[in-house]
Amino acid sequence: MDVGGKEMNGTSKPGTSPPLRPQHHHLTANHPSLRYSFLTPEETVSCLRTDLVTGLSDHQDYLHRRSIHGLNQFQNDTSDPLYIKFLNQFKESPLILLLLASAAVSVLMGNVDDAVSITLVRPRGD
């Protein structure tokens, strides 16, 4: 049986190429993350001249690498304010927007009990 160009046992069918990996716009061919992702841990250690158990050999090596590459930290992007994050949750699901609209209509028609029950009950998919 054919499943995405592969046989049931996981081997590729003759004459088919393996499925392409998804491309990430932030990883280019010369990006270190992409290059090292294809190496074994031993090959990575050899390329970086370090040790799997002890890490960097001395403090001078650490200071030298830090002066070249900077601290081992993620860049802290400015995050959205909390109210924006809260409001963005509602854009992700049309069902939530539909439920909120039906709750608003219920309030306008005087059915406050229905509006409360609509807004307090979560859909099963969440």
N, C-alpha and C. Protein backbone atom coordinates (compact mmCIF):
# COMPACT_ATOMS: atom_id res chain seq x y z
N MET A 1 0.84 -1.17 0.00
CA MET A 1 0.00 0.00 0.00
C MET A 1 0.89 1.24 0.00
N ASP A 2 0.50 2.25 -0.76
CA ASP A 2 1.27 3.48 -0.91
C ASP A 2 0.78 4.51 0.10
N VAL A 3 1.72 5.03 0.90
CA VAL A 3 1.38 6.08 1.86
C VAL A 3 2.40 7.19 1.68
N GLY A 4 2.03 8.27 0.96
CA GLY A 4 2.93 9.40 0.78
C GLY A 4 4.24 9.05 0.10
N GLY A 5 4.21 8.16 -0.91
CA GLY A 5 5.43 7.79 -1.61
C GLY A 5 6.22 6.71 -0.91
N LYS A 6 5.66 6.13 0.14
CA LYS A 6 6.37 5.08 0.87
C LYS A 6 5.50 3.84 0.95
N GLU A 7 6.17 2.73 1.04
CA GLU A 7 5.49 1.47 1.26
C GLU A 7 5.10 1.39 2.74
N MET A 8 4.27 0.44 3.11
CA MET A 8 3.83 0.30 4.50
C MET A 8 5.00 0.05 5.45
N ASN A 9 6.09 -0.55 4.96
CA ASN A 9 7.21 -0.85 5.84
C ASN A 9 8.15 0.34 6.01
N GLY A 10 7.81 1.52 5.43
CA GLY A 10 8.61 2.72 5.63
C GLY A 10 9.68 2.95 4.59
N THR A 11 9.87 2.00 3.65
CA THR A 11 10.88 2.20 2.62
C THR A 11 10.27 2.95 1.45
N SER A 12 11.11 3.69 0.72
CA SER A 12 10.62 4.44 -0.42
C SER A 12 10.34 3.50 -1.57
N LYS A 13 9.30 3.83 -2.33
CA LYS A 13 9.00 3.05 -3.52
C LYS A 13 10.05 3.35 -4.58
N PRO A 14 10.38 2.36 -5.40
CA PRO A 14 11.34 2.60 -6.48
C PRO A 14 10.80 3.68 -7.41
N GLY A 15 11.68 4.61 -7.80
CA GLY A 15 11.28 5.65 -8.74
C GLY A 15 10.65 6.87 -8.08
N THR A 16 10.52 6.89 -6.75
CA THR A 16 9.97 8.06 -6.09
C THR A 16 11.05 8.71 -5.25
N SER A 17 10.98 10.01 -5.16
CA SER A 17 11.95 10.72 -4.33
C SER A 17 11.37 10.89 -2.94
N PRO A 18 12.22 11.00 -1.93
CA PRO A 18 11.71 11.18 -0.59
C PRO A 18 10.99 12.51 -0.46
N PRO A 19 10.01 12.60 0.44
CA PRO A 19 9.28 13.85 0.59
C PRO A 19 10.22 14.97 1.03
N LEU A 20 9.96 16.17 0.54
CA LEU A 20 10.80 17.30 0.87
C LEU A 20 10.52 17.76 2.30
N ARG A 21 11.56 18.19 2.98
CA ARG A 21 11.39 18.74 4.32
C ARG A 21 10.82 20.14 4.18
N PRO A 22 9.99 20.57 5.13
CA PRO A 22 9.45 21.93 5.03
C PRO A 22 10.58 22.95 5.11
N GLN A 23 10.48 23.95 4.28
CA GLN A 23 11.49 25.00 4.27
C GLN A 23 11.14 26.05 5.31
N HIS A 24 12.13 26.50 6.05
CA HIS A 24 11.94 27.55 7.03
C HIS A 24 12.62 28.80 6.49
N HIS A 25 11.90 29.91 6.48
CA HIS A 25 12.43 31.11 5.88
C HIS A 25 13.63 31.67 6.63
N HIS A 26 13.80 31.34 7.89
CA HIS A 26 14.90 31.89 8.66
C HIS A 26 16.15 31.01 8.62
N LEU A 27 16.07 29.85 7.99
CA LEU A 27 17.24 28.97 7.89
C LEU A 27 17.71 28.96 6.44
N THR A 28 18.95 29.41 6.25
CA THR A 28 19.52 29.38 4.92
C THR A 28 20.56 28.28 4.85
N ALA A 29 21.07 28.02 3.68
CA ALA A 29 21.99 26.90 3.48
C ALA A 29 23.26 27.05 4.32
N ASN A 30 23.67 28.26 4.62
CA ASN A 30 24.89 28.43 5.39
C ASN A 30 24.61 28.75 6.86
N HIS A 31 23.39 28.60 7.29
CA HIS A 31 23.03 28.88 8.68
C HIS A 31 23.56 27.75 9.57
N PRO A 32 24.25 28.07 10.67
CA PRO A 32 24.83 27.03 11.52
C PRO A 32 23.81 26.02 12.04
N SER A 33 22.62 26.47 12.37
CA SER A 33 21.62 25.55 12.89
C SER A 33 21.29 24.47 11.87
N LEU A 34 21.17 24.86 10.63
CA LEU A 34 20.85 23.89 9.59
C LEU A 34 22.03 22.96 9.34
N ARG A 35 23.24 23.51 9.32
CA ARG A 35 24.42 22.70 9.06
C ARG A 35 24.63 21.65 10.15
N TYR A 36 24.52 22.04 11.41
CA TYR A 36 24.78 21.11 12.50
C TYR A 36 23.62 20.15 12.74
N SER A 37 22.45 20.44 12.22
CA SER A 37 21.31 19.54 12.44
C SER A 37 21.48 18.21 11.71
N PHE A 38 22.34 18.17 10.72
CA PHE A 38 22.56 16.93 9.98
C PHE A 38 23.75 16.12 10.48
N LEU A 39 24.47 16.65 11.48
CA LEU A 39 25.65 15.96 12.01
C LEU A 39 25.29 15.12 13.24
N THR A 40 26.08 14.11 13.47
CA THR A 40 25.93 13.33 14.70
C THR A 40 26.50 14.16 15.85
N PRO A 41 26.17 13.82 17.09
CA PRO A 41 26.76 14.56 18.22
C PRO A 41 28.29 14.52 18.20
N GLU A 42 28.86 13.38 17.84
CA GLU A 42 30.32 13.27 17.80
C GLU A 42 30.92 14.18 16.74
N GLU A 43 30.29 14.25 15.56
CA GLU A 43 30.78 15.14 14.50
C GLU A 43 30.66 16.60 14.92
N THR A 44 29.58 16.94 15.60
CA THR A 44 29.38 18.31 16.07
C THR A 44 30.45 18.69 17.08
N VAL A 45 30.74 17.78 18.02
CA VAL A 45 31.78 18.03 19.03
C VAL A 45 33.12 18.23 18.35
N SER A 46 33.41 17.44 17.35
CA SER A 46 34.68 17.55 16.64
C SER A 46 34.77 18.90 15.92
N CYS A 47 33.71 19.30 15.24
CA CYS A 47 33.72 20.57 14.52
C CYS A 47 33.87 21.76 15.46
N LEU A 48 33.25 21.67 16.63
CA LEU A 48 33.28 22.79 17.58
C LEU A 48 34.45 22.73 18.55
N ARG A 49 35.25 21.68 18.43
CA ARG A 49 36.42 21.50 19.29
C ARG A 49 36.04 21.61 20.78
N THR A 50 35.14 20.73 21.18
CA THR A 50 34.69 20.68 22.57
C THR A 50 34.57 19.24 23.00
N ASP A 51 33.96 18.97 24.13
CA ASP A 51 33.83 17.63 24.66
C ASP A 51 32.39 17.38 25.06
N LEU A 52 31.88 16.17 24.79
CA LEU A 52 30.49 15.85 25.13
C LEU A 52 30.23 15.86 26.63
N VAL A 53 31.22 15.51 27.43
CA VAL A 53 31.03 15.38 28.87
C VAL A 53 31.38 16.68 29.59
N THR A 54 32.55 17.23 29.28
CA THR A 54 33.03 18.38 30.06
C THR A 54 32.74 19.72 29.42
N GLY A 55 32.34 19.75 28.16
CA GLY A 55 32.08 21.03 27.50
C GLY A 55 33.36 21.70 27.05
N LEU A 56 33.42 23.01 27.19
CA LEU A 56 34.63 23.74 26.79
C LEU A 56 35.77 23.42 27.73
N SER A 57 36.99 23.43 27.18
CA SER A 57 38.14 22.96 27.95
C SER A 57 38.59 23.94 29.03
N ASP A 58 38.55 25.22 28.76
CA ASP A 58 39.01 26.18 29.78
C ASP A 58 38.23 27.48 29.69
N HIS A 59 38.46 28.31 30.68
CA HIS A 59 37.73 29.58 30.79
C HIS A 59 38.14 30.55 29.68
N GLN A 60 39.37 30.51 29.25
CA GLN A 60 39.82 31.39 28.17
C GLN A 60 39.10 31.07 26.86
N ASP A 61 38.90 29.78 26.61
CA ASP A 61 38.17 29.37 25.42
C ASP A 61 36.74 29.91 25.47
N TYR A 62 36.12 29.82 26.63
CA TYR A 62 34.77 30.35 26.82
C TYR A 62 34.75 31.85 26.55
N LEU A 63 35.70 32.60 27.13
CA LEU A 63 35.73 34.05 26.95
C LEU A 63 35.96 34.42 25.49
N HIS A 64 36.83 33.67 24.82
CA HIS A 64 37.10 33.92 23.40
C HIS A 64 35.83 33.71 22.57
N ARG A 65 35.14 32.59 22.78
CA ARG A 65 33.93 32.30 22.00
C ARG A 65 32.82 33.30 22.32
N ARG A 66 32.73 33.70 23.59
CA ARG A 66 31.70 34.68 23.96
C ARG A 66 31.98 36.02 23.31
N SER A 67 33.24 36.40 23.17
CA SER A 67 33.56 37.67 22.52
C SER A 67 33.22 37.64 21.03
N ILE A 68 33.29 36.46 20.43
CA ILE A 68 32.96 36.33 19.01
C ILE A 68 31.46 36.20 18.79
N HIS A 69 30.82 35.30 19.54
CA HIS A 69 29.43 34.94 19.28
C HIS A 69 28.43 35.61 20.20
N GLY A 70 28.88 36.20 21.30
CA GLY A 70 27.96 36.81 22.25
C GLY A 70 27.46 35.79 23.25
N LEU A 71 26.57 36.24 24.13
CA LEU A 71 26.02 35.35 25.14
C LEU A 71 25.08 34.34 24.52
N ASN A 72 24.94 33.22 25.17
CA ASN A 72 24.06 32.14 24.71
C ASN A 72 22.65 32.43 25.20
N GLN A 73 22.01 33.43 24.57
CA GLN A 73 20.68 33.84 24.97
C GLN A 73 19.84 34.11 23.74
N PHE A 74 18.53 33.94 23.90
CA PHE A 74 17.61 34.32 22.85
C PHE A 74 17.46 35.84 22.87
N GLN A 75 17.23 36.40 21.72
CA GLN A 75 16.95 37.82 21.68
C GLN A 75 15.53 38.03 22.18
N ASN A 76 15.38 38.97 23.07
CA ASN A 76 14.08 39.23 23.65
C ASN A 76 13.34 40.24 22.78
N ASP A 77 12.48 39.73 21.91
CA ASP A 77 11.68 40.60 21.06
C ASP A 77 10.65 41.30 21.93
N THR A 78 10.27 42.48 21.52
CA THR A 78 9.24 43.19 22.27
C THR A 78 7.94 42.42 22.08
N SER A 79 7.37 42.00 23.17
CA SER A 79 6.15 41.21 23.08
C SER A 79 4.94 42.13 23.06
N ASP A 80 3.85 41.60 22.57
CA ASP A 80 2.60 42.34 22.52
C ASP A 80 2.08 42.55 23.94
N PRO A 81 1.36 43.63 24.15
CA PRO A 81 0.74 43.83 25.45
C PRO A 81 -0.25 42.69 25.75
N LEU A 82 -0.52 42.50 27.02
CA LEU A 82 -1.37 41.39 27.44
C LEU A 82 -2.76 41.47 26.83
N TYR A 83 -3.34 42.66 26.71
CA TYR A 83 -4.69 42.77 26.14
C TYR A 83 -4.71 42.38 24.66
N ILE A 84 -3.61 42.64 23.94
CA ILE A 84 -3.53 42.23 22.52
C ILE A 84 -3.48 40.71 22.43
N LYS A 85 -2.68 40.08 23.28
CA LYS A 85 -2.62 38.61 23.29
C LYS A 85 -4.00 38.03 23.59
N PHE A 86 -4.71 38.65 24.54
CA PHE A 86 -6.04 38.17 24.91
C PHE A 86 -6.99 38.29 23.72
N LEU A 87 -6.98 39.42 23.04
CA LEU A 87 -7.89 39.63 21.90
C LEU A 87 -7.52 38.75 20.70
N ASN A 88 -6.23 38.47 20.53
CA ASN A 88 -5.81 37.62 19.41
C ASN A 88 -6.33 36.20 19.53
N GLN A 89 -6.63 35.75 20.73
CA GLN A 89 -7.18 34.40 20.91
C GLN A 89 -8.52 34.25 20.20
N PHE A 90 -9.27 35.33 20.16
CA PHE A 90 -10.60 35.26 19.55
C PHE A 90 -10.54 35.23 18.04
N LYS A 91 -9.46 35.74 17.44
CA LYS A 91 -9.32 35.70 15.98
C LYS A 91 -9.02 34.29 15.49
N GLU A 92 -8.45 33.46 16.35
CA GLU A 92 -7.98 32.15 15.92
C GLU A 92 -9.10 31.16 15.66
N SER A 93 -10.25 31.37 16.26
CA SER A 93 -11.32 30.40 16.11
C SER A 93 -12.62 31.09 15.73
N PRO A 94 -13.14 30.82 14.53
CA PRO A 94 -14.42 31.40 14.14
C PRO A 94 -15.57 30.94 15.05
N LEU A 95 -15.43 29.76 15.64
CA LEU A 95 -16.48 29.27 16.52
C LEU A 95 -16.62 30.15 17.75
N ILE A 96 -15.51 30.62 18.28
CA ILE A 96 -15.56 31.51 19.45
C ILE A 96 -16.25 32.81 19.07
N LEU A 97 -15.92 33.35 17.90
CA LEU A 97 -16.57 34.58 17.46
C LEU A 97 -18.07 34.39 17.28
N LEU A 98 -18.46 33.24 16.75
CA LEU A 98 -19.88 32.94 16.57
C LEU A 98 -20.60 32.85 17.91
N LEU A 99 -19.97 32.20 18.88
CA LEU A 99 -20.57 32.09 20.21
C LEU A 99 -20.69 33.45 20.89
N LEU A 100 -19.67 34.29 20.76
CA LEU A 100 -19.74 35.62 21.35
C LEU A 100 -20.83 36.47 20.69
N ALA A 101 -20.97 36.36 19.37
CA ALA A 101 -22.02 37.10 18.67
C ALA A 101 -23.39 36.61 19.11
N SER A 102 -23.57 35.31 19.27
CA SER A 102 -24.87 34.80 19.71
C SER A 102 -25.16 35.21 21.16
N ALA A 103 -24.14 35.30 21.97
CA ALA A 103 -24.33 35.79 23.35
C ALA A 103 -24.75 37.25 23.34
N ALA A 104 -24.15 38.06 22.45
CA ALA A 104 -24.53 39.46 22.35
C ALA A 104 -25.96 39.62 21.89
N VAL A 105 -26.38 38.82 20.92
CA VAL A 105 -27.76 38.87 20.45
C VAL A 105 -28.70 38.45 21.57
N SER A 106 -28.33 37.46 22.35
CA SER A 106 -29.17 37.03 23.47
C SER A 106 -29.35 38.15 24.49
N VAL A 107 -28.28 38.89 24.77
CA VAL A 107 -28.38 40.01 25.71
C VAL A 107 -29.30 41.09 25.16
N LEU A 108 -29.16 41.39 23.86
CA LEU A 108 -30.01 42.42 23.24
C LEU A 108 -31.47 42.02 23.25
N MET A 109 -31.75 40.73 23.19
CA MET A 109 -33.14 40.25 23.20
C MET A 109 -33.66 40.04 24.62
N GLY A 110 -32.83 40.28 25.61
CA GLY A 110 -33.27 40.16 26.99
C GLY A 110 -33.08 38.80 27.61
N ASN A 111 -32.42 37.90 26.93
CA ASN A 111 -32.17 36.55 27.44
C ASN A 111 -30.78 36.49 28.07
N VAL A 112 -30.62 37.14 29.21
CA VAL A 112 -29.33 37.22 29.86
C VAL A 112 -28.87 35.83 30.33
N ASP A 113 -29.80 35.01 30.79
CA ASP A 113 -29.43 33.66 31.22
C ASP A 113 -28.81 32.86 30.08
N ASP A 114 -29.40 32.97 28.88
CA ASP A 114 -28.84 32.28 27.72
C ASP A 114 -27.45 32.82 27.37
N ALA A 115 -27.29 34.14 27.45
CA ALA A 115 -26.02 34.76 27.12
C ALA A 115 -24.93 34.28 28.08
N VAL A 116 -25.26 34.18 29.36
CA VAL A 116 -24.28 33.72 30.34
C VAL A 116 -23.90 32.27 30.07
N SER A 117 -24.90 31.45 29.78
CA SER A 117 -24.59 30.03 29.54
C SER A 117 -23.79 29.85 28.25
N ILE A 118 -24.03 30.69 27.24
CA ILE A 118 -23.27 30.59 25.98
C ILE A 118 -21.81 30.97 26.22
N THR A 119 -21.56 32.02 27.00
CA THR A 119 -20.18 32.47 27.18
C THR A 119 -19.41 31.61 28.17
N LEU A 120 -20.08 30.91 29.06
CA LEU A 120 -19.37 30.11 30.05
C LEU A 120 -19.08 28.69 29.59
N VAL A 121 -19.79 28.19 28.59
CA VAL A 121 -19.57 26.83 28.11
C VAL A 121 -18.51 26.86 27.02
N ARG A 122 -17.44 26.08 27.21
CA ARG A 122 -16.36 25.99 26.23
C ARG A 122 -16.70 24.95 25.18
N PRO A 123 -16.33 25.21 23.90
CA PRO A 123 -16.50 24.17 22.87
C PRO A 123 -15.59 22.98 23.18
N ARG A 124 -15.98 21.80 22.75
CA ARG A 124 -15.24 20.57 23.06
C ARG A 124 -13.87 20.51 22.42
N GLY A 125 -13.64 21.16 21.30
CA GLY A 125 -12.37 21.09 20.58
C GLY A 125 -11.24 21.83 21.28
N ASP A 126 -11.51 22.66 22.25
CA ASP A 126 -10.46 23.46 22.90
C ASP A 126 -9.86 22.79 24.09
